[in-house]
Amino acid sequence: MSQPILRHLAAVDPVLGGVIRAAGPYRHEPEAGAEPFQILAQAIAHQQLNGTAANTILARLIASCGQGAFPTPAQVLAAPVEQLRAAGFSFAKVAALKDLATKTLAAVVPDRGTLGQLDDAAIIERLTQVRGVGRWTVEMLLIFQLGRPDVLPVDDFGVRNGFRAAYGLRSLPHPKALAAWGERWKPYRSAAAWYLWRAVELERAGTLPAPAERVRLPRIRKRRRATPKRGKQRRPPLRRRGTGTRARPRRRTKARRSARRAR
């Protein structure tokens, strides 16, 4: 199954083809078994934490809230905030967990079987309604849990860094430029992302091949913030008492000022 994918990617992109030859076969098997609620709850726990700390918090959640098993949405919703805080969740993550449980019970977040019947765009649209769940989190679910073949997480640092390394760029590519370049990888952009992650590992090991050709990414114009124009402030017209005509402002000369001071 992977050979047609690799032949396609190498044919449309010689630079990526060099990375494929250096990294070897495409070794990716989707993880099976977990429900979307559990996957997203684990993703929320891992936000801004290293793996060890997040796994410790999840273990406390299982022990205190799930009685030894991963808690159900109803159990999370019924758990007091203090109990979730004692497990190690911040107030923001507690709110995200509660919202995830609510939307799971409301079927906004479906079960795994229903989720598998939706296309990528529909899954992203539905799951990003959960507080604290962004597009990148859902894209990781699509790739690693559902095994979707055509997902390119252009905001992922590892993918952007791998592209920089593989293509010999001085800086990270703009996500929009990376998305435009990745159009040629369709319908196997998930495999392309996998090899861009491998490119970072090859660079660290000193075995990353030089790019087969120089590439030029499309330029992305940065939007300038519109600054409000400041108009000239006009002084209100002076009017003479008893008349409707405009009076000119009187200018004090040095002689008048000295005369007023003498008084």
Protein backbone atom coordinates (compact mmCIF):
# COMPACT_ATOMS: atom_id res chain seq x y z
CA MET A 1 0.00 0.00 0.00
CA SER A 2 2.80 2.43 0.80
CA GLN A 3 4.68 1.94 -2.48
CA PRO A 4 2.14 3.81 -4.66
CA ILE A 5 2.16 6.64 -2.09
CA LEU A 6 5.95 6.93 -2.12
CA ARG A 7 6.16 6.75 -5.91
CA HIS A 8 3.62 9.53 -6.22
CA LEU A 9 5.39 11.80 -3.71
CA ALA A 10 8.83 11.20 -5.24
CA ALA A 11 7.50 11.86 -8.74
CA VAL A 12 5.84 15.17 -7.94
CA ASP A 13 8.57 16.41 -5.57
CA PRO A 14 12.24 15.39 -6.10
CA VAL A 15 13.32 16.99 -2.81
CA LEU A 16 10.81 15.00 -0.80
CA GLY A 17 11.82 11.95 -2.80
CA GLY A 18 15.36 12.32 -1.44
CA VAL A 19 14.00 12.45 2.11
CA ILE A 20 11.92 9.32 1.43
CA ARG A 21 14.96 7.38 0.21
CA ALA A 22 16.97 8.46 3.27
CA ALA A 23 14.22 7.77 5.82
CA GLY A 24 13.05 4.45 4.45
CA PRO A 25 9.55 2.93 4.27
CA TYR A 26 6.46 4.72 5.45
CA ARG A 27 5.86 3.28 8.92
CA HIS A 28 2.61 4.65 10.21
CA GLU A 29 -0.27 2.68 11.66
CA PRO A 30 -3.30 4.52 13.10
CA GLU A 31 -3.98 3.98 16.78
CA ALA A 32 -7.24 2.17 17.40
CA GLY A 33 -9.66 1.81 20.28
CA ALA A 34 -10.02 5.17 22.03
CA GLU A 35 -13.14 7.25 21.72
CA PRO A 36 -12.96 10.91 20.58
CA PHE A 37 -13.87 12.09 24.09
CA GLN A 38 -10.86 10.33 25.61
CA ILE A 39 -8.52 11.44 22.80
CA LEU A 40 -9.50 15.09 23.18
CA ALA A 41 -9.40 14.94 26.99
CA GLN A 42 -5.86 13.59 26.80
CA ALA A 43 -4.95 16.32 24.31
CA ILE A 44 -6.27 18.98 26.70
CA ALA A 45 -4.21 17.50 29.54
CA HIS A 46 -1.03 17.58 27.42
CA GLN A 47 -1.38 21.24 26.42
CA GLN A 48 1.69 23.25 27.50
CA LEU A 49 3.02 20.32 29.56
CA ASN A 50 5.62 17.65 28.98
CA GLY A 51 4.49 14.06 28.59
CA THR A 52 5.45 12.94 32.09
CA ALA A 53 3.52 15.70 33.85
CA ALA A 54 0.46 15.25 31.65
CA ASN A 55 0.40 11.48 32.17
CA THR A 56 0.61 11.99 35.93
CA ILE A 57 -2.42 14.28 35.82
CA LEU A 58 -4.34 11.81 33.68
CA ALA A 59 -3.52 9.00 36.10
CA ARG A 60 -4.95 11.07 38.96
CA LEU A 61 -8.05 11.79 36.88
CA ILE A 62 -8.56 8.05 36.26
CA ALA A 63 -8.08 7.21 39.93
CA SER A 64 -10.26 9.96 41.41
CA CYS A 65 -12.95 10.50 38.80
CA GLY A 66 -13.09 7.24 36.83
CA GLN A 67 -12.52 4.73 39.66
CA GLY A 68 -9.71 3.03 37.77
CA ALA A 69 -10.97 3.52 34.20
CA PHE A 70 -10.93 6.57 31.98
CA PRO A 71 -13.90 8.67 33.16
CA THR A 72 -17.03 9.03 31.06
CA PRO A 73 -18.37 12.42 29.98
CA ALA A 74 -21.08 12.14 32.65
CA GLN A 75 -18.50 11.49 35.36
CA VAL A 76 -16.39 14.48 34.28
CA LEU A 77 -19.46 16.70 34.20
CA ALA A 78 -20.51 15.56 37.68
CA ALA A 79 -17.04 15.96 39.18
CA PRO A 80 -16.58 19.09 41.34
CA VAL A 81 -14.13 21.66 40.08
CA GLU A 82 -12.02 21.15 43.22
CA GLN A 83 -11.64 17.46 42.40
CA LEU A 84 -10.35 18.17 38.89
CA ARG A 85 -8.11 20.91 40.23
CA ALA A 86 -6.66 18.45 42.77
CA ALA A 87 -5.78 16.13 39.88
CA GLY A 88 -3.63 18.91 38.45
CA PHE A 89 -5.84 20.61 35.87
CA SER A 90 -5.76 24.40 35.67
CA PHE A 91 -8.98 26.40 35.78
CA ALA A 92 -8.83 26.83 31.99
CA LYS A 93 -8.39 23.10 31.44
CA VAL A 94 -11.20 22.29 33.86
CA ALA A 95 -13.48 24.55 31.82
CA ALA A 96 -12.29 22.84 28.62
CA LEU A 97 -12.95 19.35 30.08
CA LYS A 98 -16.42 20.35 31.23
CA ASP A 99 -17.22 21.81 27.82
CA LEU A 100 -15.90 18.67 26.12
CA ALA A 101 -18.12 16.49 28.31
CA THR A 102 -21.16 18.68 27.64
CA LYS A 103 -20.66 18.64 23.87
CA THR A 104 -20.03 14.89 23.90
CA LEU A 105 -23.32 14.24 25.68
CA ALA A 106 -25.00 16.59 23.18
CA ALA A 107 -23.47 14.56 20.29
CA VAL A 108 -21.51 17.53 18.96
CA VAL A 109 -18.50 15.32 19.64
CA PRO A 110 -19.68 11.97 18.23
CA ASP A 111 -18.54 8.46 19.02
CA ARG A 112 -15.74 6.87 17.01
CA GLY A 113 -18.05 5.05 14.63
CA THR A 114 -19.98 8.19 13.71
CA LEU A 115 -16.80 10.22 13.48
CA GLY A 116 -15.33 7.80 10.97
CA GLN A 117 -18.22 8.45 8.60
CA LEU A 118 -17.58 12.21 8.42
CA ASP A 119 -15.14 13.88 6.06
CA ASP A 120 -12.10 15.79 7.33
CA ALA A 121 -13.66 19.24 7.04
CA ALA A 122 -16.79 18.20 8.94
CA ILE A 123 -14.71 16.65 11.73
CA ILE A 124 -12.61 19.81 12.08
CA GLU A 125 -15.72 22.00 12.09
CA ARG A 126 -17.43 19.97 14.80
CA LEU A 127 -14.55 19.24 17.15
CA THR A 128 -13.13 22.77 17.14
CA GLN A 129 -16.39 23.91 18.73
CA VAL A 130 -15.02 22.48 21.98
CA ARG A 131 -13.32 25.00 24.22
CA GLY A 132 -9.54 24.60 24.14
CA VAL A 133 -9.54 22.34 21.05
CA GLY A 134 -7.95 23.92 17.98
CA ARG A 135 -7.43 22.85 14.42
CA TRP A 136 -3.99 21.37 15.10
CA THR A 137 -5.39 19.04 17.78
CA VAL A 138 -8.05 17.75 15.40
CA GLU A 139 -5.51 17.30 12.61
CA MET A 140 -3.40 15.10 14.88
CA LEU A 141 -6.51 13.05 15.63
CA LEU A 142 -7.21 12.70 11.90
CA ILE A 143 -3.68 11.48 11.16
CA PHE A 144 -2.84 9.30 14.15
CA GLN A 145 -6.24 8.03 15.29
CA LEU A 146 -8.34 7.85 12.14
CA GLY A 147 -5.52 7.32 9.66
CA ARG A 148 -6.80 9.94 7.21
CA PRO A 149 -4.39 10.03 4.23
CA ASP A 150 -4.63 13.65 3.09
CA VAL A 151 -4.04 15.93 6.10
CA LEU A 152 -1.27 18.54 6.10
CA PRO A 153 -0.90 20.31 9.46
CA VAL A 154 0.74 23.48 8.16
CA ASP A 155 0.80 25.12 11.61
CA ASP A 156 2.77 22.26 13.15
CA PHE A 157 6.28 23.38 14.10
CA GLY A 158 7.81 19.98 13.30
CA VAL A 159 6.33 19.93 9.80
CA ARG A 160 7.49 23.48 9.08
CA ASN A 161 10.93 22.81 10.55
CA GLY A 162 11.24 19.62 8.51
CA PHE A 163 10.38 21.50 5.35
CA ARG A 164 13.00 24.12 6.17
CA ALA A 165 15.64 21.44 6.68
CA ALA A 166 14.72 19.28 3.67
CA TYR A 167 14.49 22.17 1.22
CA GLY A 168 17.48 24.11 2.49
CA LEU A 169 15.60 27.21 3.61
CA ARG A 170 16.99 29.80 5.99
CA SER A 171 13.77 30.19 7.95
CA LEU A 172 10.51 28.39 8.56
CA PRO A 173 8.02 28.55 5.70
CA HIS A 174 4.84 30.53 6.15
CA PRO A 175 1.89 28.17 6.77
CA LYS A 176 0.05 29.51 3.72
CA ALA A 177 3.12 29.05 1.52
CA LEU A 178 3.54 25.51 2.84
CA ALA A 179 -0.12 24.78 2.13
CA ALA A 180 0.28 26.04 -1.44
CA TRP A 181 3.40 23.91 -1.99
CA GLY A 182 1.70 20.88 -0.48
CA GLU A 183 -1.05 20.90 -3.08
CA ARG A 184 1.23 18.74 -5.26
CA TRP A 185 1.31 16.05 -2.57
CA LYS A 186 -2.44 15.36 -2.76
CA PRO A 187 -3.98 12.91 -1.99
CA TYR A 188 -1.16 11.74 0.32
CA ARG A 189 -0.32 14.82 2.35
CA SER A 190 -0.37 12.88 5.64
CA ALA A 191 2.54 10.77 4.39
CA ALA A 192 4.34 13.92 3.27
CA ALA A 193 3.95 15.36 6.77
CA TRP A 194 5.30 12.11 8.23
CA TYR A 195 8.45 12.40 6.10
CA LEU A 196 8.89 16.07 7.03
CA TRP A 197 8.95 14.98 10.68
CA ARG A 198 11.57 12.40 9.71
CA ALA A 199 13.60 15.15 8.00
CA VAL A 200 14.17 16.81 11.37
CA GLU A 201 15.50 13.52 12.76
CA LEU A 202 17.76 13.04 9.73
CA GLU A 203 19.14 16.56 10.15
CA ARG A 204 20.00 15.87 13.79
CA ALA A 205 21.70 12.63 12.79
CA GLY A 206 23.63 14.35 10.00
CA THR A 207 22.16 12.07 7.32
CA LEU A 208 19.72 14.46 5.67
CA PRO A 209 20.49 14.64 1.92
CA ALA A 210 21.01 17.98 0.22
CA PRO A 211 17.93 19.18 -1.67
CA ALA A 212 17.80 17.87 -5.24
CA GLU A 213 16.79 21.30 -6.50
CA ARG A 214 16.26 24.80 -5.25
CA VAL A 215 12.68 25.74 -4.59
CA ARG A 216 10.99 29.09 -4.40
CA LEU A 217 7.89 29.31 -2.28
CA PRO A 218 5.11 31.71 -3.18
CA ARG A 219 5.42 35.04 -1.44
CA ILE A 220 2.76 35.74 1.14
CA ARG A 221 1.85 39.38 1.45
CA LYS A 222 1.51 40.52 5.01
CA ARG A 223 -1.55 42.56 5.72
CA ARG A 224 -0.79 46.00 7.04
CA ARG A 225 -2.85 47.24 9.87
CA ALA A 226 -4.96 50.16 8.82
CA THR A 227 -4.12 53.22 10.87
CA PRO A 228 -6.84 55.84 11.25
CA LYS A 229 -5.99 59.11 9.52
CA ARG A 230 -5.80 62.05 11.83
CA GLY A 231 -7.41 65.09 10.32
CA LYS A 232 -6.38 68.64 11.08
CA GLN A 233 -8.25 70.04 14.01
CA ARG A 234 -10.05 73.21 13.13
CA ARG A 235 -10.55 75.93 15.67
CA PRO A 236 -14.14 77.05 16.11
CA PRO A 237 -14.76 80.39 14.39
CA LEU A 238 -14.75 83.48 16.60
CA ARG A 239 -17.80 85.69 16.43
CA ARG A 240 -18.20 89.25 17.56
CA ARG A 241 -20.71 89.96 20.23
CA GLY A 242 -24.04 91.03 18.90
CA THR A 243 -23.21 90.20 15.30
CA GLY A 244 -23.25 87.12 13.15
CA THR A 245 -19.96 87.94 11.46
CA ARG A 246 -16.76 86.09 12.08
CA ALA A 247 -14.07 87.94 14.00
CA ARG A 248 -10.37 87.47 13.49
CA PRO A 249 -8.37 86.47 16.56
CA ARG A 250 -6.45 89.41 18.02
CA ARG A 251 -2.71 89.07 17.98
CA ARG A 252 -0.83 90.56 20.87
CA THR A 253 2.24 92.48 19.94
CA LYS A 254 5.20 92.93 22.23
CA ALA A 255 4.17 96.54 22.87
CA ARG A 256 0.66 95.54 23.95
CA ARG A 257 1.98 92.80 26.22
CA SER A 258 4.46 95.16 27.90
CA ALA A 259 1.72 97.82 28.31
CA ARG A 260 -0.58 95.29 29.99
CA ARG A 261 2.23 94.26 32.33
CA ALA A 262 2.89 97.91 33.25
CA ARG A 263 -0.70 98.31 34.34
